[in-house]
Protein backbone atom coordinates (compact mmCIF):
# COMPACT_ATOMS: atom_id res chain seq x y z
CA MET A 1 4.30 8.37 17.70
CA ARG A 2 6.42 6.29 20.12
CA THR A 3 8.81 3.75 18.35
CA LYS A 4 11.51 3.00 21.07
CA LYS A 5 10.32 -0.36 21.95
CA VAL A 6 9.21 -1.66 18.50
CA LYS A 7 11.68 0.30 16.57
CA SER A 8 11.00 0.23 12.71
CA SER A 9 7.72 -1.57 13.32
CA GLY A 10 6.24 1.45 15.18
CA ARG A 11 4.61 2.47 11.75
CA PHE A 12 1.92 0.02 12.53
CA GLY A 13 0.87 1.80 15.60
CA PRO A 14 -1.21 -0.27 18.19
CA ARG A 15 -2.35 -2.61 15.42
CA TYR A 16 -1.45 -6.39 15.11
CA GLY A 17 -0.20 -6.82 18.77
CA ALA A 18 3.15 -6.46 20.42
CA LYS A 19 4.67 -9.76 19.82
CA VAL A 20 4.03 -9.49 15.99
CA ARG A 21 5.60 -6.06 15.94
CA LYS A 22 8.67 -7.02 17.81
CA LYS A 23 9.36 -10.09 15.66
CA THR A 24 8.97 -7.65 12.53
CA ALA A 25 11.37 -5.27 13.89
CA GLU A 26 13.86 -8.03 14.57
CA ILE A 27 13.67 -9.28 10.94
CA GLU A 28 13.92 -5.72 9.54
CA ALA A 29 16.95 -5.01 11.64
CA VAL A 30 18.78 -8.01 10.24
CA GLN A 31 17.64 -7.60 6.66
CA LYS A 32 18.62 -3.90 6.49
CA LYS A 33 22.21 -4.55 7.96
CA LYS A 34 25.06 -4.90 5.49
CA GLN A 35 26.11 -8.61 5.03
CA PRO A 36 29.44 -10.17 4.20
CA CYS A 37 30.00 -10.70 0.49
CA LEU A 38 30.30 -14.44 -0.69
CA PHE A 39 32.96 -13.64 -3.26
CA CYS A 40 35.33 -11.03 -1.64
CA THR A 41 35.84 -9.24 1.69
CA GLY A 42 33.32 -6.51 0.89
CA LYS A 43 29.78 -5.92 2.23
CA ALA A 44 26.61 -6.78 0.46
CA LYS A 45 23.46 -4.83 0.44
CA ARG A 46 20.09 -6.25 -0.07
CA LEU A 47 18.13 -4.92 -3.12
CA SER A 48 15.23 -7.02 -2.85
CA LYS A 49 13.92 -10.46 -1.92
CA GLY A 50 17.13 -12.65 -2.23
CA ILE A 51 18.90 -10.28 -4.52
CA TRP A 52 22.28 -8.88 -3.10
CA GLU A 53 24.88 -6.46 -4.36
CA CYS A 54 28.40 -6.13 -3.16
CA ASN A 55 29.88 -2.63 -2.91
CA LYS A 56 33.40 -3.75 -3.35
CA CYS A 57 33.34 -6.25 -6.37
CA GLU A 58 30.02 -4.92 -7.64
CA LYS A 59 28.71 -8.27 -8.26
CA LYS A 60 24.93 -8.93 -8.03
CA PHE A 61 23.95 -12.45 -6.76
CA ALA A 62 21.03 -14.42 -5.39
CA SER A 63 21.15 -15.80 -1.76
CA HIS A 64 18.75 -16.02 1.06
CA THR A 65 15.86 -13.74 1.35
CA TYR A 66 16.54 -11.72 4.64
CA PHE A 67 20.21 -12.35 5.23
CA ILE A 68 23.26 -14.17 3.94
CA LYS A 69 23.87 -17.33 6.04
CA LYS A 70 27.58 -17.76 6.95
CA GLU A 71 29.01 -21.14 5.70
CA GLU A 72 30.44 -23.27 8.54
């Protein structure tokens, strides 16, 4: 199966249409990336919907579902 264009959503094959698969791939790329921790300078990993764990301070915390928004 070719997944170069649609990356991780290539598992869907030709189903659901290209637009939906591209959007899914974008969301999954962001959610699987390590995000900055809210409490220290470490990186937080997504455990499940809205649950994050920092690898440095080892705190578990709740935040946004797919990625941690940067405070401005």
